[in-house]
Amino acid sequence: MRTQLFRSAQNALKKSSYGSATPLSTRAFSSSSSPERKVTILGAAGGIGQPLSLLMKTNPLVSTLSLFDLAGTPGVAADVSHIPTRAQVIGYDKYDDLDKALEGSDVVIIPAGVPRKPGMTRDDLFAINAGIVKGLVERIAKYCPNALINMISNPVNSTVPIAAEVLKNAGAYDPKRLFGVTTLDVLRAKAFYAQVAGIRPEGVLVPVVGGHAGKTILPLFSQATPQANLAGRDIEGLTRRTQDGGTEVVNAKAGKGSATLSMAFAGAVFADACLKGLNGVPDVVECSYVQSDITELPFFASKVRLGKNGVEEIMGLGSLSEYETKALEKLIPELKESIDKGIEFVKNASAKE
């Protein structure tokens, strides 16, 4: 039974979170023939970091798994190292060793920071996590400037612009290599849509655009496949639930946690897509929050095609329903405010240094 459950989890991870016409399976690169790839997780001993470390250890595309956190990392590394898979695991828990953790990394995943708690606003998160992200990205710019950066630390709407400004200041910014991980919004949209439509979620595709917080999250159910022709009230309800998915988990855990397990799975799915893109697997398409010109905003989440250099193509919004068009107009000001806040944070911090 345990073996069956483990294989089911692996098979689910092999599928793209958004999906495409071409099956995206790690069978395209076996453990023996795929390139050497180092993945580093910053914040590996936290609520997201530990299950994310487990999932990345089971990914056959990973040859070296580097884990960093300020406490508990050697234990996490020892624990997952007992899993007989390709990835060699090293754990670091001293800030002075961050250079070793990062050097040679192909993908850096950042779940570091504090999680959201009941009553905590995005501003509360920003006050703590902005500084953490700034410090870590400064090290990335120095020790692995060519790595693909997968930003999980919230608020993503602001932390991605923070990372971009830090990289610019270091002369190491490549917009094709910086991603805000919005995959959890896609997973929620798929799961909730399937429940209401009464269909299996494995074959559902729902693009999610905009940002990664509250009303800036815009699932495009009009483009969902298969199309279930749901009533307008159902679409509105699904949209609100997708936007409030994080709060739903925080409340359900009664102050004892946030969305750690589903976020770890989402982070593993997106990192897997990045690795496939780096390895030349064709038609790897995911939704992600990246530097974009498809709207008036400098950063925006949409479908992107991944390749050997990171973002190969930023895909357009497609045809929107009237409801989605209005929702898009409403989210723009809020998302812009979050982007500006991240940019100003780095400017102010740099002025003080």
Protein backbone atom coordinates (compact mmCIF):
# COMPACT_ATOMS: atom_id res chain seq x y z
CA MET A 1 0.00 0.00 0.00
CA ARG A 2 2.80 2.44 0.88
CA THR A 3 4.56 1.68 -2.39
CA GLN A 4 1.36 2.36 -4.34
CA LEU A 5 0.84 5.68 -2.55
CA PHE A 6 4.45 6.71 -3.20
CA ARG A 7 4.16 5.88 -6.90
CA SER A 8 0.87 7.77 -7.13
CA ALA A 9 2.51 10.86 -5.65
CA GLN A 10 5.42 10.59 -8.08
CA ASN A 11 3.08 10.19 -11.06
CA ALA A 12 1.08 13.24 -10.01
CA LEU A 13 4.27 15.30 -9.71
CA LYS A 14 5.33 14.33 -13.23
CA LYS A 15 2.32 16.14 -14.68
CA SER A 16 2.42 19.83 -15.48
CA SER A 17 0.36 22.03 -13.16
CA TYR A 18 -1.10 23.98 -16.07
CA GLY A 19 -0.57 21.28 -18.67
CA SER A 20 -0.09 21.29 -22.41
CA ALA A 21 -0.86 19.21 -25.46
CA THR A 22 2.43 17.36 -25.05
CA PRO A 23 2.75 15.06 -22.02
CA LEU A 24 5.51 16.37 -19.78
CA SER A 25 7.01 13.30 -18.21
CA THR A 26 10.39 12.83 -16.58
CA ARG A 27 10.64 9.67 -18.64
CA ALA A 28 12.10 11.93 -21.32
CA PHE A 29 15.27 12.00 -19.19
CA SER A 30 16.10 8.95 -17.13
CA SER A 31 18.22 9.23 -14.02
CA SER A 32 21.23 7.82 -15.87
CA SER A 33 21.05 10.05 -18.97
CA SER A 34 19.76 13.42 -17.76
CA PRO A 35 22.26 16.24 -17.16
CA GLU A 36 23.73 17.00 -13.76
CA ARG A 37 21.44 19.55 -12.10
CA LYS A 38 21.85 21.21 -8.72
CA VAL A 39 18.75 22.50 -6.95
CA THR A 40 19.09 24.67 -3.86
CA ILE A 41 16.28 25.32 -1.38
CA LEU A 42 16.64 28.40 0.85
CA GLY A 43 14.45 27.91 3.90
CA ALA A 44 14.63 24.12 3.70
CA ALA A 45 13.81 23.42 7.36
CA GLY A 46 10.54 25.36 7.41
CA GLY A 47 6.95 24.32 6.96
CA ILE A 48 7.17 24.50 3.18
CA GLY A 49 10.88 23.71 2.95
CA GLN A 50 10.75 20.26 4.53
CA PRO A 51 8.06 18.68 2.31
CA LEU A 52 9.56 20.52 -0.67
CA SER A 53 12.94 18.95 0.13
CA LEU A 54 11.29 15.55 0.24
CA LEU A 55 9.61 16.04 -3.14
CA MET A 56 12.75 17.35 -4.83
CA LYS A 57 14.73 14.40 -3.46
CA THR A 58 12.36 12.09 -5.36
CA ASN A 59 12.78 14.01 -8.64
CA PRO A 60 15.09 12.02 -10.97
CA LEU A 61 16.19 15.22 -12.73
CA VAL A 62 17.97 16.44 -9.58
CA SER A 63 21.56 15.24 -9.11
CA THR A 64 22.48 17.51 -6.17
CA LEU A 65 20.03 18.83 -3.60
CA SER A 66 21.46 21.66 -1.53
CA LEU A 67 19.46 22.61 1.57
CA PHE A 68 19.94 25.82 3.54
CA ASP A 69 18.26 27.24 6.62
CA LEU A 70 19.45 28.88 9.82
CA ALA A 71 18.49 25.93 12.02
CA GLY A 72 17.60 22.27 11.65
CA THR A 73 18.95 21.80 8.15
CA PRO A 74 21.43 18.98 8.87
CA GLY A 75 18.56 16.94 10.29
CA VAL A 76 16.36 17.52 7.27
CA ALA A 77 19.25 16.66 4.97
CA ALA A 78 20.05 13.46 6.89
CA ASP A 79 16.39 12.46 6.88
CA VAL A 80 15.75 12.81 3.14
CA SER A 81 19.21 11.44 2.25
CA HIS A 82 18.01 8.00 3.34
CA ILE A 83 15.62 7.93 0.37
CA PRO A 84 17.36 5.87 -2.36
CA THR A 85 17.16 8.27 -5.30
CA ARG A 86 19.71 9.94 -7.55
CA ALA A 87 20.04 13.27 -5.72
CA GLN A 88 22.97 13.70 -3.35
CA VAL A 89 21.91 15.86 -0.39
CA ILE A 90 23.94 18.42 1.53
CA GLY A 91 22.55 20.54 4.38
CA TYR A 92 23.87 23.92 5.56
CA ASP A 93 22.77 25.89 8.64
CA LYS A 94 25.36 28.68 8.83
CA TYR A 95 25.00 31.93 6.90
CA ASP A 96 28.73 31.84 6.18
CA ASP A 97 28.14 28.62 4.23
CA LEU A 98 25.53 30.16 1.93
CA ASP A 99 28.17 30.48 -0.78
CA LYS A 100 28.71 26.70 -0.74
CA ALA A 101 24.98 26.08 -0.77
CA LEU A 102 24.48 28.28 -3.85
CA GLU A 103 27.57 27.78 -6.00
CA GLY A 104 26.79 25.88 -9.20
CA SER A 105 23.02 25.91 -8.67
CA ASP A 106 20.80 25.54 -11.72
CA VAL A 107 17.57 26.26 -9.83
CA VAL A 108 17.20 28.12 -6.52
CA ILE A 109 13.86 27.83 -4.73
CA ILE A 110 13.11 30.39 -2.00
CA PRO A 111 10.40 29.51 0.54
CA ALA A 112 12.34 31.34 3.29
CA GLY A 113 10.53 33.74 5.59
CA VAL A 114 7.58 33.68 7.95
CA PRO A 115 4.22 32.11 7.01
CA ARG A 116 0.93 33.96 7.17
CA LYS A 117 -1.01 33.60 10.41
CA PRO A 118 -4.63 34.45 11.29
CA GLY A 119 -5.15 38.20 11.21
CA MET A 120 -1.82 38.81 9.49
CA THR A 121 -1.99 41.06 6.45
CA ARG A 122 0.22 41.04 3.37
CA ASP A 123 1.80 44.22 4.77
CA ASP A 124 2.74 42.32 7.92
CA LEU A 125 4.39 39.64 5.80
CA PHE A 126 6.16 42.25 3.72
CA ALA A 127 7.70 43.92 6.76
CA ILE A 128 9.50 40.69 7.67
CA ASN A 129 10.06 38.82 4.43
CA ALA A 130 11.25 41.72 2.27
CA GLY A 131 14.54 41.98 4.13
CA ILE A 132 15.05 38.22 4.12
CA VAL A 133 14.51 38.01 0.37
CA LYS A 134 16.81 40.97 -0.31
CA GLY A 135 19.68 39.38 1.61
CA LEU A 136 19.30 35.98 -0.05
CA VAL A 137 19.05 37.37 -3.57
CA GLU A 138 22.18 39.44 -3.02
CA ARG A 139 24.00 36.16 -2.37
CA ILE A 140 22.42 34.50 -5.41
CA ALA A 141 23.64 37.39 -7.58
CA LYS A 142 27.15 36.77 -6.29
CA TYR A 143 27.41 32.98 -6.24
CA CYS A 144 25.01 31.65 -8.90
CA PRO A 145 23.82 34.56 -11.08
CA ASN A 146 22.72 32.24 -13.90
CA ALA A 147 20.38 30.14 -11.77
CA LEU A 148 16.64 30.11 -12.31
CA ILE A 149 15.13 31.73 -9.21
CA ASN A 150 11.78 30.36 -8.04
CA MET A 151 10.29 32.82 -5.55
CA ILE A 152 7.79 31.36 -3.07
CA SER A 153 8.33 33.81 -0.19
CA ASN A 154 5.25 35.99 0.25
CA PRO A 155 4.04 38.49 -0.71
CA VAL A 156 5.17 37.28 -4.15
CA ASN A 157 3.63 40.35 -5.81
CA SER A 158 6.34 42.38 -4.04
CA THR A 159 9.19 39.92 -3.44
CA VAL A 160 9.70 39.28 -7.16
CA PRO A 161 10.15 43.02 -7.88
CA ILE A 162 12.48 43.16 -4.87
CA ALA A 163 14.57 40.35 -6.33
CA ALA A 164 14.63 42.07 -9.72
CA GLU A 165 15.91 45.35 -8.25
CA VAL A 166 18.56 43.58 -6.18
CA LEU A 167 19.79 41.70 -9.25
CA LYS A 168 19.82 44.91 -11.29
CA ASN A 169 21.93 46.62 -8.66
CA ALA A 170 24.37 43.71 -8.82
CA GLY A 171 24.47 43.73 -12.63
CA ALA A 172 23.08 40.20 -12.67
CA TYR A 173 19.45 40.64 -13.73
CA ASP A 174 18.06 38.41 -16.45
CA PRO A 175 14.24 38.66 -16.51
CA LYS A 176 14.03 35.24 -18.16
CA ARG A 177 15.45 33.64 -15.03
CA LEU A 178 13.26 35.15 -12.30
CA PHE A 179 9.90 33.55 -11.49
CA GLY A 180 7.18 34.10 -8.94
CA VAL A 181 5.68 30.69 -8.18
CA THR A 182 1.91 31.00 -8.64
CA THR A 183 1.41 27.30 -9.28
CA LEU A 184 -0.66 26.83 -6.13
CA ASP A 185 -3.33 29.17 -7.56
CA VAL A 186 -3.47 26.94 -10.64
CA LEU A 187 -3.73 23.77 -8.57
CA ARG A 188 -6.54 25.24 -6.49
CA ALA A 189 -8.42 26.44 -9.56
CA LYS A 190 -8.17 22.97 -11.09
CA ALA A 191 -9.25 21.18 -7.90
CA PHE A 192 -12.18 23.50 -7.16
CA TYR A 193 -13.38 23.56 -10.77
CA ALA A 194 -13.31 19.77 -10.97
CA GLN A 195 -15.33 19.47 -7.76
CA VAL A 196 -18.09 21.77 -9.00
CA ALA A 197 -18.09 20.33 -12.51
CA GLY A 198 -18.11 16.75 -11.23
CA ILE A 199 -15.10 15.68 -13.28
CA ARG A 200 -11.70 14.17 -12.54
CA PRO A 201 -9.13 16.91 -11.79
CA GLU A 202 -6.20 15.20 -13.50
CA GLY A 203 -7.30 16.26 -16.97
CA VAL A 204 -8.46 19.78 -16.05
CA LEU A 205 -6.57 22.83 -17.34
CA VAL A 206 -7.22 26.31 -15.92
CA PRO A 207 -4.85 29.22 -16.60
CA VAL A 208 -4.49 31.70 -13.73
CA VAL A 209 -3.23 35.22 -14.43
CA GLY A 210 -2.56 38.46 -12.55
CA GLY A 211 -0.73 38.20 -9.25
CA HIS A 212 -0.50 35.92 -6.24
CA ALA A 213 -2.62 37.54 -3.53
CA GLY A 214 -6.35 37.94 -3.00
CA LYS A 215 -8.16 39.73 -5.81
CA THR A 216 -5.02 39.98 -7.92
CA ILE A 217 -5.44 36.24 -8.57
CA LEU A 218 -7.61 35.78 -11.67
CA PRO A 219 -8.45 32.22 -12.74
CA LEU A 220 -9.68 32.15 -16.34
CA PHE A 221 -12.46 29.59 -16.05
CA SER A 222 -13.78 30.65 -19.45
CA GLN A 223 -10.65 28.99 -20.87
CA ALA A 224 -10.88 25.87 -18.70
CA THR A 225 -10.79 22.50 -20.38
CA PRO A 226 -12.86 20.47 -20.46
CA GLN A 227 -15.47 23.24 -20.54
CA ALA A 228 -18.30 22.46 -18.13
CA ASN A 229 -20.49 25.47 -19.03
CA LEU A 230 -21.02 26.43 -15.39
CA ALA A 231 -23.47 29.14 -14.35
CA GLY A 232 -22.19 32.64 -13.71
CA ARG A 233 -22.73 32.35 -9.95
CA ASP A 234 -20.62 29.17 -9.93
CA ILE A 235 -17.78 30.91 -11.76
CA GLU A 236 -17.90 33.82 -9.31
CA GLY A 237 -17.88 31.43 -6.37
CA LEU A 238 -14.94 29.47 -7.81
CA THR A 239 -13.03 32.67 -8.44
CA ARG A 240 -13.51 33.87 -4.87
CA ARG A 241 -12.53 30.49 -3.45
CA THR A 242 -9.37 30.38 -5.55
CA GLN A 243 -8.49 33.90 -4.40
CA ASP A 244 -9.16 33.04 -0.76
CA GLY A 245 -7.58 29.59 -0.82
CA GLY A 246 -4.72 30.58 1.46
CA THR A 247 -7.06 32.08 4.04
CA GLU A 248 -9.20 28.95 3.89
CA VAL A 249 -6.21 26.84 4.94
CA VAL A 250 -5.02 29.30 7.61
CA ASN A 251 -8.48 29.30 9.20
CA ALA A 252 -8.83 25.52 8.96
CA LYS A 253 -5.52 25.08 10.77
CA ALA A 254 -6.81 27.35 13.53
CA GLY A 255 -3.72 29.47 13.82
CA LYS A 256 -1.32 26.53 13.77
CA GLY A 257 -0.12 26.87 10.20
CA SER A 258 -0.69 27.95 6.64
CA ALA A 259 -0.71 26.23 3.25
CA THR A 260 2.57 24.36 3.58
CA LEU A 261 1.92 20.94 2.04
CA SER A 262 0.02 22.13 -1.03
CA MET A 263 2.54 24.96 -1.50
CA ALA A 264 5.43 22.51 -1.30
CA PHE A 265 3.77 20.35 -3.95
CA ALA A 266 3.18 23.42 -6.14
CA GLY A 267 6.81 24.47 -5.70
CA ALA A 268 8.00 21.01 -6.68
CA VAL A 269 5.78 20.98 -9.77
CA PHE A 270 7.13 24.33 -10.95
CA ALA A 271 10.76 23.44 -10.21
CA ASP A 272 10.27 20.22 -12.15
CA ALA A 273 9.01 22.26 -15.11
CA CYS A 274 12.07 24.53 -14.90
CA LEU A 275 14.38 21.51 -14.93
CA LYS A 276 12.60 20.03 -17.92
CA GLY A 277 12.91 23.33 -19.74
CA LEU A 278 16.63 23.53 -18.96
CA ASN A 279 17.03 19.97 -20.25
CA GLY A 280 15.33 20.79 -23.55
CA VAL A 281 12.00 19.04 -23.08
CA PRO A 282 9.62 20.67 -25.60
CA ASP A 283 6.32 22.42 -24.83
CA VAL A 284 6.82 22.98 -21.11
CA VAL A 285 4.10 25.50 -20.24
CA GLU A 286 3.31 26.81 -16.77
CA CYS A 287 1.70 29.90 -15.27
CA SER A 288 4.15 32.16 -13.47
CA TYR A 289 4.58 35.74 -12.25
CA VAL A 290 7.35 37.23 -14.39
CA GLN A 291 8.52 40.45 -15.99
CA SER A 292 5.95 40.94 -18.70
CA ASP A 293 4.60 43.41 -21.25
CA ILE A 294 1.20 41.84 -21.90
CA THR A 295 -0.38 44.46 -19.60
CA GLU A 296 0.65 47.93 -18.45
CA LEU A 297 2.33 46.38 -15.40
CA PRO A 298 6.02 45.42 -15.34
CA PHE A 299 5.25 42.07 -13.67
CA PHE A 300 2.28 39.84 -14.37
CA ALA A 301 1.36 36.17 -14.09
CA SER A 302 0.35 34.33 -17.24
CA LYS A 303 1.21 31.18 -19.14
CA VAL A 304 4.91 31.03 -20.04
CA ARG A 305 6.85 28.56 -22.13
CA LEU A 306 10.00 27.35 -20.40
CA GLY A 307 13.24 26.41 -22.11
CA LYS A 308 17.01 26.24 -21.80
CA ASN A 309 17.27 29.93 -20.91
CA GLY A 310 14.27 30.10 -18.58
CA VAL A 311 11.35 31.99 -20.10
CA GLU A 312 11.23 31.27 -23.82
CA GLU A 313 7.84 32.84 -24.48
CA ILE A 314 5.32 34.86 -22.52
CA MET A 315 1.91 33.84 -23.78
CA GLY A 316 -1.00 36.26 -24.12
CA LEU A 317 -4.19 36.40 -22.11
CA GLY A 318 -6.39 34.96 -24.84
CA SER A 319 -10.11 35.66 -25.02
CA LEU A 320 -11.64 36.79 -21.72
CA SER A 321 -15.24 36.71 -20.59
CA GLU A 322 -16.96 39.93 -19.57
CA TYR A 323 -16.62 38.94 -15.93
CA GLU A 324 -12.88 38.26 -16.33
CA THR A 325 -12.32 41.51 -18.24
CA LYS A 326 -13.85 43.53 -15.41
CA ALA A 327 -11.91 41.57 -12.79
CA LEU A 328 -8.69 42.23 -14.68
CA GLU A 329 -9.35 45.97 -14.69
CA LYS A 330 -9.98 45.91 -10.94
CA LEU A 331 -6.85 43.98 -10.04
CA ILE A 332 -4.42 46.22 -11.94
CA PRO A 333 -4.25 49.07 -9.35
CA GLU A 334 -3.76 46.70 -6.40
CA LEU A 335 -1.06 44.72 -8.18
CA LYS A 336 0.70 47.92 -9.26
CA GLU A 337 0.77 49.11 -5.67
CA SER A 338 2.44 45.87 -4.56
CA ILE A 339 5.01 46.06 -7.34
CA ASP A 340 5.84 49.67 -6.55
CA LYS A 341 6.17 48.80 -2.88
CA GLY A 342 8.80 46.17 -3.63
CA ILE A 343 10.78 48.49 -5.89
CA GLU A 344 10.68 51.32 -3.34
CA PHE A 345 11.83 48.98 -0.57
CA VAL A 346 15.09 48.24 -2.40
CA LYS A 347 15.64 51.89 -3.32
CA ASN A 348 15.17 52.99 0.28
CA ALA A 349 17.35 50.18 1.61
CA SER A 350 20.11 51.03 -0.87
CA ALA A 351 19.98 54.71 0.13
CA LYS A 352 20.58 53.75 3.77
CA GLU A 353 23.54 51.48 3.02
